[in-house]
Each structure stands twice: as C-alpha cells, then as structure tokens.
C-alpha cells in the first residue's frame, strides 16, 4: 500500500505538488492521470525517495522508502526506460541489480523470460528500441518480486501486442494482491487497464475514485432517443422539463429526464421509439471535464 498525507513539494517558487492526500490499495490497478506539469512524476519520485517532500509524508507499507530494507524486494518501479548503461547487456544490467539487492541469479532469467527478452539477453542495451528498453525496465521492476509496483508511461514504444501484454501483466499483478500504480496519458488504455483513478492538476488532487464511479459522475444524465416523430417528441419532453438537443438523423439528446421518464412520456403521448439509450461518458470526457481548468501548457487549436 502507498499512503500520502499532506504531500507537498516546492521547487524554489514553484509548487509542483500541493498537499496531496491519497491511498493506493493492493488488489487494484490504480491509474495516475493529469496534464503535463501536473506533478505526477514528482509524486512518483517522492514515493521512491528520489525527491524529498517539502512537507507531508508518503509511505510504502507503513514506512518511508529510505527506511525499507532491501527495497527492491518491496517496491519495483519503471520511471525512465533509458536510464541504463548502454554498454551493458540486458542480462548484466539485471544481474548487477540482483547482486546489489540479495536476489538469486536465477531470478534474472525468470524476469527476462517474463518480459520476452530471453533471446536478446546478451545484447547491449544501447542497441535496444524504446519498446525493448521498456520491457527491460519492467523486468527490473519485477526482479525482487515486490508487492508494490510503480510504472510511469509503461506502454511508450510498445507495439499493439506489447500493449496488450503489459495491460494483462498489470491486471494479473493486481489480481495477486499487489499494489499497482501506473501513470499514463493514454486515456483509452487506462480505461481498459485501471480499476481506480487518481487525477491531479496543478499539483492538487482532483479525483480519487473507482473508474465506474468517476465516469457515472460525469455522464451528466444524458439519454439518446430516436423516434418516428422526433419534433413532436422533443416538444413533449421539453414540456416535462427536459433539455433537448437535436442531433444527426433525427436523434435527440435529452438531459434532465432519465430514460424511464422518457419512456413513460413516449407511451403517454403515443410515440413510436426506435432507440432509447443512456449515454455513458468516456474516461476521456470525464478527464477533460475535471482538468479543463488545470492545463498548464495549452496550445491554440489550429484553424
């Protein structure tokens, strides 16, 4: 488990993280989302003791990272896939990590097989593609068989098969009862991978909830309706307090009335309905609604 209380980090006169309170529980894949500059990488660095908080605390399994004995056995992390000596082979890189953390050499072979790099284990890392480097970084995170795992943009450089593989891996690790925190900018991938979400903007916590709860909260009670006579139905629904927008091909988007009340109104008015569907927001829509006032680097939309 990861637990932060009042976590704050100030760089000179810039507040990167401002009083974060959150818990990342075992048994879930927790997605960590936010615009560029929101403080995600800074938060991950503080979890791992690479940056010290200006105030507040962050603990892993009840202890600060610096107080962990054999930390690789408890916490595995992928922050920068390219942070490997280019002249070393994949095997020797992992072997040095294992030796420094009291991990048996056989474990190196096991994680190389897990990430699909057995065939290139003796090749120098400097010749690896970004996707291969990501796999090696994931192997390093798994090396100590830790209960807590942090991944920063783990699908960068991976092909579709690799993306499916890392998604399945993260979900299986969580299913084993591990704590998995993954940062990503790919909303579609997070929607398929994460159970829970932490969303931050300008260093502040904007959301901490289950995925389905967040999406339901931002779906805004919208209903799509298609009818034989959409104009007459729209008038009837407005008379009952609904807000109705006309869409393409006679589709009506109704807000303020649930699908049950719309169906009852249609029956009472003798309307023939061809479609009645609750509209669920996508993760991307929910994310943009939450972070629209927290985007630091916004470019103008091309004309």
C-alpha atoms as a PDB file:
ATOM      1  CA  UNK A   1       0.000   0.000   0.000  1.00  0.00           C
ATOM      2  CA  UNK A   2       1.082   3.581  -0.700  1.00  0.00           C
ATOM      3  CA  UNK A   3      -0.188   6.353   1.564  1.00  0.00           C
ATOM      4  CA  UNK A   4       0.398  10.107   1.225  1.00  0.00           C
ATOM      5  CA  UNK A   5      -0.542  12.715   3.818  1.00  0.00           C
ATOM      6  CA  UNK A   6      -0.251  16.427   3.053  1.00  0.00           C
ATOM      7  CA  UNK A   7       2.414  15.674   0.452  1.00  0.00           C
ATOM      8  CA  UNK A   8       3.920  18.947  -0.824  1.00  0.00           C
ATOM      9  CA  UNK A   9       6.944  19.719  -2.973  1.00  0.00           C
ATOM     10  CA  UNK A  10       8.132  23.229  -3.765  1.00  0.00           C
ATOM     11  CA  UNK A  11      10.946  23.920  -6.234  1.00  0.00           C
ATOM     12  CA  UNK A  12      12.145  27.451  -5.463  1.00  0.00           C
ATOM     13  CA  UNK A  13       8.975  29.484  -6.063  1.00  0.00           C
ATOM     14  CA  UNK A  14       7.055  26.777  -7.962  1.00  0.00           C
ATOM     15  CA  UNK A  15       4.724  24.396  -6.135  1.00  0.00           C
ATOM     16  CA  UNK A  16       4.877  21.079  -8.001  1.00  0.00           C
ATOM     17  CA  UNK A  17       2.705  19.117  -5.557  1.00  0.00           C
ATOM     18  CA  UNK A  18       0.366  20.794  -3.084  1.00  0.00           C
ATOM     19  CA  UNK A  19      -0.926  18.885  -0.044  1.00  0.00           C
ATOM     20  CA  UNK A  20      -1.838  15.557  -1.646  1.00  0.00           C
ATOM     21  CA  UNK A  21      -3.738  13.012   0.457  1.00  0.00           C
ATOM     22  CA  UNK A  22      -4.315   9.598  -1.116  1.00  0.00           C
ATOM     23  CA  UNK A  23      -4.031   5.850  -0.620  1.00  0.00           C
ATOM     24  CA  UNK A  24      -3.187   3.301  -3.296  1.00  0.00           C
ATOM     25  CA  UNK A  25      -4.606  -0.007  -2.121  1.00  0.00           C
ATOM     26  CA  UNK A  26      -3.470  -3.517  -3.065  1.00  0.00           C
ATOM     27  CA  UNK A  27      -5.575  -5.608  -5.408  1.00  0.00           C
ATOM     28  CA  UNK A  28      -6.223  -2.797  -7.896  1.00  0.00           C
ATOM     29  CA  UNK A  29      -4.570  -1.213 -10.890  1.00  0.00           C
ATOM     30  CA  UNK A  30      -4.674   2.473  -9.988  1.00  0.00           C
ATOM     31  CA  UNK A  31      -4.295   4.877 -12.888  1.00  0.00           C
ATOM     32  CA  UNK A  32      -2.418   8.104 -12.161  1.00  0.00           C
ATOM     33  CA  UNK A  33      -3.565  10.831 -14.555  1.00  0.00           C
ATOM     34  CA  UNK A  34      -3.060  14.544 -15.067  1.00  0.00           C
ATOM     35  CA  UNK A  35      -1.933  17.126 -17.637  1.00  0.00           C
ATOM     36  CA  UNK A  36       1.727  17.773 -18.381  1.00  0.00           C
ATOM     37  CA  UNK A  37       3.290  19.518 -15.403  1.00  0.00           C
ATOM     38  CA  UNK A  38       0.545  18.383 -13.016  1.00  0.00           C
ATOM     39  CA  UNK A  39       3.040  16.749 -10.628  1.00  0.00           C
ATOM     40  CA  UNK A  40       2.739  13.048 -11.474  1.00  0.00           C
ATOM     41  CA  UNK A  41       6.455  12.373 -11.954  1.00  0.00           C
ATOM     42  CA  UNK A  42       7.351  14.459  -8.903  1.00  0.00           C
ATOM     43  CA  UNK A  43       4.899  12.449  -6.806  1.00  0.00           C
ATOM     44  CA  UNK A  44       6.343   9.157  -8.042  1.00  0.00           C
ATOM     45  CA  UNK A  45       9.868  10.378  -7.297  1.00  0.00           C
ATOM     46  CA  UNK A  46       8.821  11.261  -3.742  1.00  0.00           C
ATOM     47  CA  UNK A  47       7.261   7.831  -3.263  1.00  0.00           C
ATOM     48  CA  UNK A  48      10.633   6.331  -4.215  1.00  0.00           C
ATOM     49  CA  UNK A  49      12.704   8.709  -2.104  1.00  0.00           C
ATOM     50  CA  UNK A  50      14.348  10.309  -5.143  1.00  0.00           C
ATOM     51  CA  UNK A  51      12.891  13.679  -4.098  1.00  0.00           C
ATOM     52  CA  UNK A  52      12.194  14.670  -0.506  1.00  0.00           C
ATOM     53  CA  UNK A  53       8.861  16.388   0.168  1.00  0.00           C
ATOM     54  CA  UNK A  54       8.920  19.963   1.391  1.00  0.00           C
ATOM     55  CA  UNK A  55       6.215  18.933   3.862  1.00  0.00           C
ATOM     56  CA  UNK A  56       3.938  15.989   4.486  1.00  0.00           C
ATOM     57  CA  UNK A  57       4.857  12.357   4.051  1.00  0.00           C
ATOM     58  CA  UNK A  58       4.489   9.382   1.765  1.00  0.00           C
ATOM     59  CA  UNK A  59       4.891   5.820   2.998  1.00  0.00           C
ATOM     60  CA  UNK A  60       5.064   2.407   1.397  1.00  0.00           C
ATOM     61  CA  UNK A  61       3.613  -0.361   3.553  1.00  0.00           C
ATOM     62  CA  UNK A  62       3.771   1.966   6.547  1.00  0.00           C
ATOM     63  CA  UNK A  63       7.398   3.079   6.118  1.00  0.00           C
ATOM     64  CA  UNK A  64       9.242   5.731   4.149  1.00  0.00           C
ATOM     65  CA  UNK A  65      11.141   4.320   1.189  1.00  0.00           C
ATOM     66  CA  UNK A  66      14.517   5.210   2.730  1.00  0.00           C
ATOM     67  CA  UNK A  67      13.688   3.022   5.716  1.00  0.00           C
ATOM     68  CA  UNK A  68      12.996  -0.107   3.685  1.00  0.00           C
ATOM     69  CA  UNK A  69      15.446  -2.987   3.994  1.00  0.00           C
ATOM     70  CA  UNK A  70      16.233  -4.496   0.570  1.00  0.00           C
ATOM     71  CA  UNK A  71      13.825  -2.060  -1.132  1.00  0.00           C
ATOM     72  CA  UNK A  72      13.737  -3.918  -4.462  1.00  0.00           C
ATOM     73  CA  UNK A  73      12.031  -6.803  -2.648  1.00  0.00           C
ATOM     74  CA  UNK A  74       9.206  -4.469  -1.619  1.00  0.00           C
ATOM     75  CA  UNK A  75       8.946  -1.820  -4.355  1.00  0.00           C
ATOM     76  CA  UNK A  76       9.590  -2.128  -8.079  1.00  0.00           C
ATOM     77  CA  UNK A  77       9.499   0.871 -10.391  1.00  0.00           C
ATOM     78  CA  UNK A  78       9.841   1.889 -14.019  1.00  0.00           C
ATOM     79  CA  UNK A  79      10.388   5.648 -14.293  1.00  0.00           C
ATOM     80  CA  UNK A  80      12.838   6.037 -17.186  1.00  0.00           C
ATOM     81  CA  UNK A  81      13.360   3.085 -19.509  1.00  0.00           C
ATOM     82  CA  UNK A  82      16.516   4.655 -20.986  1.00  0.00           C
ATOM     83  CA  UNK A  83      18.284   5.049 -17.629  1.00  0.00           C
ATOM     84  CA  UNK A  84      20.565   2.058 -18.286  1.00  0.00           C
ATOM     85  CA  UNK A  85      24.267   1.987 -19.185  1.00  0.00           C
ATOM     86  CA  UNK A  86      24.200   1.474 -22.975  1.00  0.00           C
ATOM     87  CA  UNK A  87      27.322  -0.711 -22.953  1.00  0.00           C
ATOM     88  CA  UNK A  88      25.845  -3.342 -20.663  1.00  0.00           C
ATOM     89  CA  UNK A  89      23.877  -6.311 -21.817  1.00  0.00           C
ATOM     90  CA  UNK A  90      20.317  -6.746 -20.579  1.00  0.00           C
ATOM     91  CA  UNK A  91      21.442  -9.736 -18.539  1.00  0.00           C
ATOM     92  CA  UNK A  92      24.350  -7.926 -16.878  1.00  0.00           C
ATOM     93  CA  UNK A  93      22.198  -4.912 -16.070  1.00  0.00           C
ATOM     94  CA  UNK A  94      19.679  -7.092 -14.236  1.00  0.00           C
ATOM     95  CA  UNK A  95      22.435  -9.207 -12.689  1.00  0.00           C
ATOM     96  CA  UNK A  96      24.006  -6.116 -11.112  1.00  0.00           C
ATOM     97  CA  UNK A  97      20.635  -5.062  -9.688  1.00  0.00           C
ATOM     98  CA  UNK A  98      20.082  -8.559  -8.333  1.00  0.00           C
ATOM     99  CA  UNK A  99      23.526  -8.727  -6.713  1.00  0.00           C
ATOM    100  CA  UNK A 100      23.027  -5.354  -5.009  1.00  0.00           C
ATOM    101  CA  UNK A 101      19.696  -6.481  -3.553  1.00  0.00           C
ATOM    102  CA  UNK A 102      20.443 -10.053  -2.490  1.00  0.00           C
ATOM    103  CA  UNK A 103      18.405 -11.604  -5.295  1.00  0.00           C
ATOM    104  CA  UNK A 104      19.302 -15.021  -6.702  1.00  0.00           C
ATOM    105  CA  UNK A 105      20.763 -15.105 -10.221  1.00  0.00           C
ATOM    106  CA  UNK A 106      18.036 -17.485 -11.420  1.00  0.00           C
ATOM    107  CA  UNK A 107      15.532 -14.673 -10.920  1.00  0.00           C
ATOM    108  CA  UNK A 108      17.255 -12.714 -13.699  1.00  0.00           C
ATOM    109  CA  UNK A 109      16.488 -15.486 -16.161  1.00  0.00           C
ATOM    110  CA  UNK A 110      12.897 -15.669 -14.916  1.00  0.00           C
ATOM    111  CA  UNK A 111      12.104 -11.969 -15.435  1.00  0.00           C
ATOM    112  CA  UNK A 112      13.848 -11.897 -18.834  1.00  0.00           C
ATOM    113  CA  UNK A 113      11.527 -14.692 -19.922  1.00  0.00           C
ATOM    114  CA  UNK A 114       8.509 -12.910 -18.406  1.00  0.00           C
ATOM    115  CA  UNK A 115       9.132  -9.770 -20.477  1.00  0.00           C
ATOM    116  CA  UNK A 116      10.113 -11.645 -23.650  1.00  0.00           C
ATOM    117  CA  UNK A 117      13.800 -10.622 -23.785  1.00  0.00           C
ATOM    118  CA  UNK A 118      15.481 -14.006 -23.345  1.00  0.00           C
ATOM    119  CA  UNK A 119      16.604 -14.027 -26.978  1.00  0.00           C
ATOM    120  CA  UNK A 120      18.421 -10.684 -26.650  1.00  0.00           C
ATOM    121  CA  UNK A 121      19.615 -11.027 -23.059  1.00  0.00           C
ATOM    122  CA  UNK A 122      23.319 -10.878 -24.027  1.00  0.00           C
ATOM    123  CA  UNK A 123      22.961  -7.913 -26.392  1.00  0.00           C
ATOM    124  CA  UNK A 124      23.988  -4.399 -25.408  1.00  0.00           C
ATOM    125  CA  UNK A 125      21.151  -2.205 -24.226  1.00  0.00           C
ATOM    126  CA  UNK A 126      22.414   0.710 -26.330  1.00  0.00           C
ATOM    127  CA  UNK A 127      21.071  -1.056 -29.410  1.00  0.00           C
ATOM    128  CA  UNK A 128      17.607  -1.631 -27.970  1.00  0.00           C
ATOM    129  CA  UNK A 129      14.499   0.045 -29.367  1.00  0.00           C
ATOM    130  CA  UNK A 130      12.325   2.058 -26.963  1.00  0.00           C
ATOM    131  CA  UNK A 131       9.901  -0.852 -26.709  1.00  0.00           C
ATOM    132  CA  UNK A 132      12.691  -3.280 -25.805  1.00  0.00           C
ATOM    133  CA  UNK A 133      14.018  -0.793 -23.242  1.00  0.00           C
ATOM    134  CA  UNK A 134      10.539  -0.583 -21.716  1.00  0.00           C
ATOM    135  CA  UNK A 135      10.448  -4.356 -21.387  1.00  0.00           C
ATOM    136  CA  UNK A 136      13.858  -4.310 -19.706  1.00  0.00           C
ATOM    137  CA  UNK A 137      12.682  -1.612 -17.294  1.00  0.00           C
ATOM    138  CA  UNK A 138       9.652  -3.715 -16.429  1.00  0.00           C
ATOM    139  CA  UNK A 139      11.940  -6.705 -15.845  1.00  0.00           C
ATOM    140  CA  UNK A 140      13.931  -4.593 -13.390  1.00  0.00           C
ATOM    141  CA  UNK A 141      10.748  -3.596 -11.570  1.00  0.00           C
ATOM    142  CA  UNK A 142       9.714  -7.250 -11.249  1.00  0.00           C
ATOM    143  CA  UNK A 143      13.157  -8.506 -10.246  1.00  0.00           C
ATOM    144  CA  UNK A 144      12.626  -8.558  -6.474  1.00  0.00           C
ATOM    145  CA  UNK A 145       9.067  -9.959  -6.771  1.00  0.00           C
ATOM    146  CA  UNK A 146       7.759  -6.859  -4.930  1.00  0.00           C
ATOM    147  CA  UNK A 147       4.300  -6.250  -3.555  1.00  0.00           C
ATOM    148  CA  UNK A 148       4.251  -2.616  -4.722  1.00  0.00           C
ATOM    149  CA  UNK A 149       4.854  -1.603  -8.353  1.00  0.00           C
ATOM    150  CA  UNK A 150       5.056   1.845  -9.985  1.00  0.00           C
ATOM    151  CA  UNK A 151       5.041   2.282 -13.757  1.00  0.00           C
ATOM    152  CA  UNK A 152       5.458   5.670 -15.474  1.00  0.00           C
ATOM    153  CA  UNK A 153       4.189   5.587 -19.084  1.00  0.00           C
ATOM    154  CA  UNK A 154       4.908   1.834 -19.439  1.00  0.00           C
ATOM    155  CA  UNK A 155       3.392   1.425 -22.927  1.00  0.00           C
ATOM    156  CA  UNK A 156       5.632   4.022 -24.613  1.00  0.00           C
ATOM    157  CA  UNK A 157       7.276   2.428 -27.634  1.00  0.00           C
ATOM    158  CA  UNK A 158       5.362  -0.840 -27.389  1.00  0.00           C
ATOM    159  CA  UNK A 159       3.594  -2.308 -30.397  1.00  0.00           C
ATOM    160  CA  UNK A 160      -0.083  -3.419 -30.098  1.00  0.00           C
ATOM    161  CA  UNK A 161       0.945  -6.895 -28.974  1.00  0.00           C
ATOM    162  CA  UNK A 162       3.219  -5.374 -26.328  1.00  0.00           C
ATOM    163  CA  UNK A 163       0.473  -3.035 -25.109  1.00  0.00           C
ATOM    164  CA  UNK A 164      -1.904  -5.976 -24.679  1.00  0.00           C
ATOM    165  CA  UNK A 165       0.852  -7.855 -22.851  1.00  0.00           C
ATOM    166  CA  UNK A 166       1.604  -5.060 -20.340  1.00  0.00           C
ATOM    167  CA  UNK A 167      -2.119  -4.481 -19.766  1.00  0.00           C
ATOM    168  CA  UNK A 168      -2.614  -8.168 -18.978  1.00  0.00           C
ATOM    169  CA  UNK A 169       0.527  -8.223 -16.813  1.00  0.00           C
ATOM    170  CA  UNK A 170      -0.553  -5.261 -14.681  1.00  0.00           C
ATOM    171  CA  UNK A 171      -4.025  -6.669 -14.138  1.00  0.00           C
ATOM    172  CA  UNK A 172      -2.610 -10.083 -13.203  1.00  0.00           C
ATOM    173  CA  UNK A 173      -0.176  -8.465 -10.730  1.00  0.00           C
ATOM    174  CA  UNK A 174      -3.075  -6.636  -9.077  1.00  0.00           C
ATOM    175  CA  UNK A 175      -5.128  -9.844  -9.023  1.00  0.00           C
ATOM    176  CA  UNK A 176      -2.290 -11.427  -6.997  1.00  0.00           C
ATOM    177  CA  UNK A 177      -2.895  -8.799  -4.310  1.00  0.00           C
ATOM    178  CA  UNK A 178      -0.122  -6.376  -5.275  1.00  0.00           C
ATOM    179  CA  UNK A 179      -0.342  -2.586  -5.288  1.00  0.00           C
ATOM    180  CA  UNK A 180      -0.017  -1.274  -8.857  1.00  0.00           C
ATOM    181  CA  UNK A 181       0.216   2.452  -9.674  1.00  0.00           C
ATOM    182  CA  UNK A 182       0.531   3.368 -13.358  1.00  0.00           C
ATOM    183  CA  UNK A 183       0.878   6.813 -14.900  1.00  0.00           C
ATOM    184  CA  UNK A 184      -0.189   7.316 -18.498  1.00  0.00           C
ATOM    185  CA  UNK A 185      -1.508   9.900 -20.946  1.00  0.00           C
ATOM    186  CA  UNK A 186      -3.359   7.268 -22.991  1.00  0.00           C
ATOM    187  CA  UNK A 187      -6.980   7.527 -21.868  1.00  0.00           C
ATOM    188  CA  UNK A 188      -8.144   4.602 -23.993  1.00  0.00           C
ATOM    189  CA  UNK A 189      -5.522   2.347 -22.439  1.00  0.00           C
ATOM    190  CA  UNK A 190      -6.287   3.476 -18.891  1.00  0.00           C
ATOM    191  CA  UNK A 191      -9.979   2.790 -19.493  1.00  0.00           C
ATOM    192  CA  UNK A 192      -9.089  -0.824 -20.295  1.00  0.00           C
ATOM    193  CA  UNK A 193      -6.484  -1.286 -17.554  1.00  0.00           C
ATOM    194  CA  UNK A 194      -7.277   0.640 -14.371  1.00  0.00           C
ATOM    195  CA  UNK A 195      -9.862  -0.133 -11.677  1.00  0.00           C
ATOM    196  CA  UNK A 196      -9.297   3.082  -9.728  1.00  0.00           C
ATOM    197  CA  UNK A 197      -8.068   6.547 -10.668  1.00  0.00           C
ATOM    198  CA  UNK A 198      -6.044   9.313  -9.093  1.00  0.00           C
ATOM    199  CA  UNK A 199      -6.274  12.519 -11.131  1.00  0.00           C
ATOM    200  CA  UNK A 200      -4.215  15.586 -10.285  1.00  0.00           C
ATOM    201  CA  UNK A 201      -3.980  19.050 -11.808  1.00  0.00           C
ATOM    202  CA  UNK A 202      -1.535  21.818 -10.933  1.00  0.00           C
ATOM    203  CA  UNK A 203      -0.267  19.678  -8.064  1.00  0.00           C
ATOM    204  CA  UNK A 204      -3.683  19.223  -6.437  1.00  0.00           C
ATOM    205  CA  UNK A 205      -5.840  16.120  -6.175  1.00  0.00           C
ATOM    206  CA  UNK A 206      -8.902  16.412  -8.435  1.00  0.00           C
ATOM    207  CA  UNK A 207     -10.309  12.886  -8.129  1.00  0.00           C
ATOM    208  CA  UNK A 208      -9.701   9.685  -6.181  1.00  0.00           C
ATOM    209  CA  UNK A 209     -12.354   7.121  -7.041  1.00  0.00           C
ATOM    210  CA  UNK A 210     -13.260   3.907  -8.766  1.00  0.00           C
ATOM    211  CA  UNK A 211     -13.275   4.132 -12.567  1.00  0.00           C
ATOM    212  CA  UNK A 212     -17.001   3.383 -12.923  1.00  0.00           C
ATOM    213  CA  UNK A 213     -17.940   5.929 -10.247  1.00  0.00           C
ATOM    214  CA  UNK A 214     -15.930   8.684 -11.924  1.00  0.00           C
ATOM    215  CA  UNK A 215     -17.466   8.018 -15.337  1.00  0.00           C
ATOM    216  CA  UNK A 216     -21.015   7.826 -13.933  1.00  0.00           C
ATOM    217  CA  UNK A 217     -20.498  11.132 -12.099  1.00  0.00           C
ATOM    218  CA  UNK A 218     -19.544  12.883 -15.327  1.00  0.00           C
ATOM    219  CA  UNK A 219     -22.075  11.301 -17.667  1.00  0.00           C
ATOM    220  CA  UNK A 220     -24.488  14.162 -16.857  1.00  0.00           C
ATOM    221  CA  UNK A 221     -27.653  12.037 -17.168  1.00  0.00           C
ATOM    222  CA  UNK A 222     -27.773  12.161 -20.958  1.00  0.00           C
ATOM    223  CA  UNK A 223     -30.133   9.955 -22.967  1.00  0.00           C
ATOM    224  CA  UNK A 224     -30.185   9.361 -26.723  1.00  0.00           C
ATOM    225  CA  UNK A 225     -33.649   8.944 -28.268  1.00  0.00           C
ATOM    226  CA  UNK A 226     -34.782   8.171 -31.794  1.00  0.00           C
ATOM    227  CA  UNK A 227     -38.466   8.344 -32.620  1.00  0.00           C
ATOM    228  CA  UNK A 228     -40.784   8.189 -35.608  1.00  0.00           C
ATOM    229  CA  UNK A 229     -41.719  11.844 -34.986  1.00  0.00           C
ATOM    230  CA  UNK A 230     -38.727  13.472 -33.253  1.00  0.00           C
ATOM    231  CA  UNK A 231     -40.053  17.044 -33.422  1.00  0.00           C
ATOM    232  CA  UNK A 232     -43.307  16.218 -31.622  1.00  0.00           C
ATOM    233  CA  UNK A 233     -41.453  14.081 -29.059  1.00  0.00           C
ATOM    234  CA  UNK A 234     -38.979  16.920 -28.425  1.00  0.00           C
ATOM    235  CA  UNK A 235     -41.887  19.283 -27.689  1.00  0.00           C
ATOM    236  CA  UNK A 236     -43.448  16.770 -25.274  1.00  0.00           C
ATOM    237  CA  UNK A 237     -40.140  16.203 -23.435  1.00  0.00           C
ATOM    238  CA  UNK A 238     -39.477  19.931 -23.117  1.00  0.00           C
ATOM    239  CA  UNK A 239     -42.961  20.326 -21.658  1.00  0.00           C
ATOM    240  CA  UNK A 240     -41.941  17.828 -18.953  1.00  0.00           C
ATOM    241  CA  UNK A 241     -38.792  19.813 -18.071  1.00  0.00           C
ATOM    242  CA  UNK A 242     -36.274  18.065 -20.280  1.00  0.00           C
ATOM    243  CA  UNK A 243     -33.485  19.837 -22.159  1.00  0.00           C
ATOM    244  CA  UNK A 244     -33.440  18.525 -25.715  1.00  0.00           C
ATOM    245  CA  UNK A 245     -30.797  18.952 -28.403  1.00  0.00           C
ATOM    246  CA  UNK A 246     -31.323  17.758 -31.964  1.00  0.00           C
ATOM    247  CA  UNK A 247     -28.602  15.530 -33.383  1.00  0.00           C
ATOM    248  CA  UNK A 248     -27.938  13.927 -36.743  1.00  0.00           C
ATOM    249  CA  UNK A 249     -30.509  11.686 -38.463  1.00  0.00           C
ATOM    250  CA  UNK A 250     -33.335  12.710 -36.133  1.00  0.00           C
ATOM    251  CA  UNK A 251     -31.546  11.642 -32.962  1.00  0.00           C
ATOM    252  CA  UNK A 252     -32.452  13.618 -29.811  1.00  0.00           C
ATOM    253  CA  UNK A 253     -30.038  14.140 -26.915  1.00  0.00           C
ATOM    254  CA  UNK A 254     -32.088  14.617 -23.749  1.00  0.00           C
ATOM    255  CA  UNK A 255     -30.856  15.918 -20.387  1.00  0.00           C
ATOM    256  CA  UNK A 256     -32.792  16.377 -17.186  1.00  0.00           C
ATOM    257  CA  UNK A 257     -35.059  13.374 -17.729  1.00  0.00           C
ATOM    258  CA  UNK A 258     -33.991   9.787 -17.150  1.00  0.00           C
ATOM    259  CA  UNK A 259     -34.676   7.029 -19.649  1.00  0.00           C
ATOM    260  CA  UNK A 260     -37.564   5.701 -17.512  1.00  0.00           C
ATOM    261  CA  UNK A 261     -39.389   9.064 -17.542  1.00  0.00           C
ATOM    262  CA  UNK A 262     -38.701   9.467 -21.264  1.00  0.00           C
ATOM    263  CA  UNK A 263     -40.168   6.036 -21.956  1.00  0.00           C
ATOM    264  CA  UNK A 264     -43.243   6.839 -19.864  1.00  0.00           C
ATOM    265  CA  UNK A 265     -43.682  10.171 -21.662  1.00  0.00           C
ATOM    266  CA  UNK A 266     -43.403   8.461 -25.032  1.00  0.00           C
ATOM    267  CA  UNK A 267     -46.028   5.870 -24.064  1.00  0.00           C
ATOM    268  CA  UNK A 268     -48.389   8.562 -22.761  1.00  0.00           C
ATOM    269  CA  UNK A 269     -48.019  10.597 -25.950  1.00  0.00           C
ATOM    270  CA  UNK A 270     -48.358   7.652 -28.317  1.00  0.00           C
ATOM    271  CA  UNK A 271     -44.815   7.999 -29.669  1.00  0.00           C
ATOM    272  CA  UNK A 272     -43.074   5.186 -31.528  1.00  0.00           C
ATOM    273  CA  UNK A 273     -39.491   4.902 -30.239  1.00  0.00           C
ATOM    274  CA  UNK A 274     -36.723   3.370 -32.326  1.00  0.00           C
ATOM    275  CA  UNK A 275     -33.968   3.847 -29.734  1.00  0.00           C
ATOM    276  CA  UNK A 276     -33.694   4.797 -26.062  1.00  0.00           C
ATOM    277  CA  UNK A 277     -30.158   4.686 -24.654  1.00  0.00           C
ATOM    278  CA  UNK A 278     -28.408   6.114 -21.593  1.00  0.00           C
ATOM    279  CA  UNK A 279     -25.199   7.836 -22.694  1.00  0.00           C
ATOM    280  CA  UNK A 280     -22.140   6.994 -20.630  1.00  0.00           C
ATOM    281  CA  UNK A 281     -19.232   9.416 -20.704  1.00  0.00           C
ATOM    282  CA  UNK A 282     -15.887   8.050 -21.831  1.00  0.00           C
ATOM    283  CA  UNK A 283     -12.911   8.285 -19.498  1.00  0.00           C
ATOM    284  CA  UNK A 284     -11.521  10.927 -21.849  1.00  0.00           C
ATOM    285  CA  UNK A 285     -14.665  13.087 -21.471  1.00  0.00           C
ATOM    286  CA  UNK A 286     -14.626  12.745 -17.680  1.00  0.00           C
ATOM    287  CA  UNK A 287     -10.906  13.556 -17.582  1.00  0.00           C
ATOM    288  CA  UNK A 288     -11.277  16.697 -19.707  1.00  0.00           C
ATOM    289  CA  UNK A 289     -14.153  17.958 -17.565  1.00  0.00           C
ATOM    290  CA  UNK A 290     -12.070  17.515 -14.428  1.00  0.00           C
ATOM    291  CA  UNK A 291      -8.847  19.030 -15.746  1.00  0.00           C
ATOM    292  CA  UNK A 292     -10.101  21.778 -18.075  1.00  0.00           C
ATOM    293  CA  UNK A 293      -9.001  24.486 -15.601  1.00  0.00           C
ATOM    294  CA  UNK A 294      -5.701  22.769 -14.732  1.00  0.00           C
ATOM    295  CA  UNK A 295      -3.916  22.595 -18.084  1.00  0.00           C
ATOM    296  CA  UNK A 296      -0.619  24.487 -17.817  1.00  0.00           C
ATOM    297  CA  UNK A 297       0.627  24.038 -21.384  1.00  0.00           C
ATOM    298  CA  UNK A 298      -2.217  24.693 -23.812  1.00  0.00           C
ATOM    299  CA  UNK A 299      -1.567  25.406 -27.496  1.00  0.00           C
ATOM    300  CA  UNK A 300      -4.095  27.167 -29.719  1.00  0.00           C
ATOM    301  CA  UNK A 301      -6.317  24.889 -31.790  1.00  0.00           C
ATOM    302  CA  UNK A 302      -5.322  25.066 -35.494  1.00  0.00           C
ATOM    303  CA  UNK A 303      -7.872  26.892 -37.661  1.00  0.00           C
END
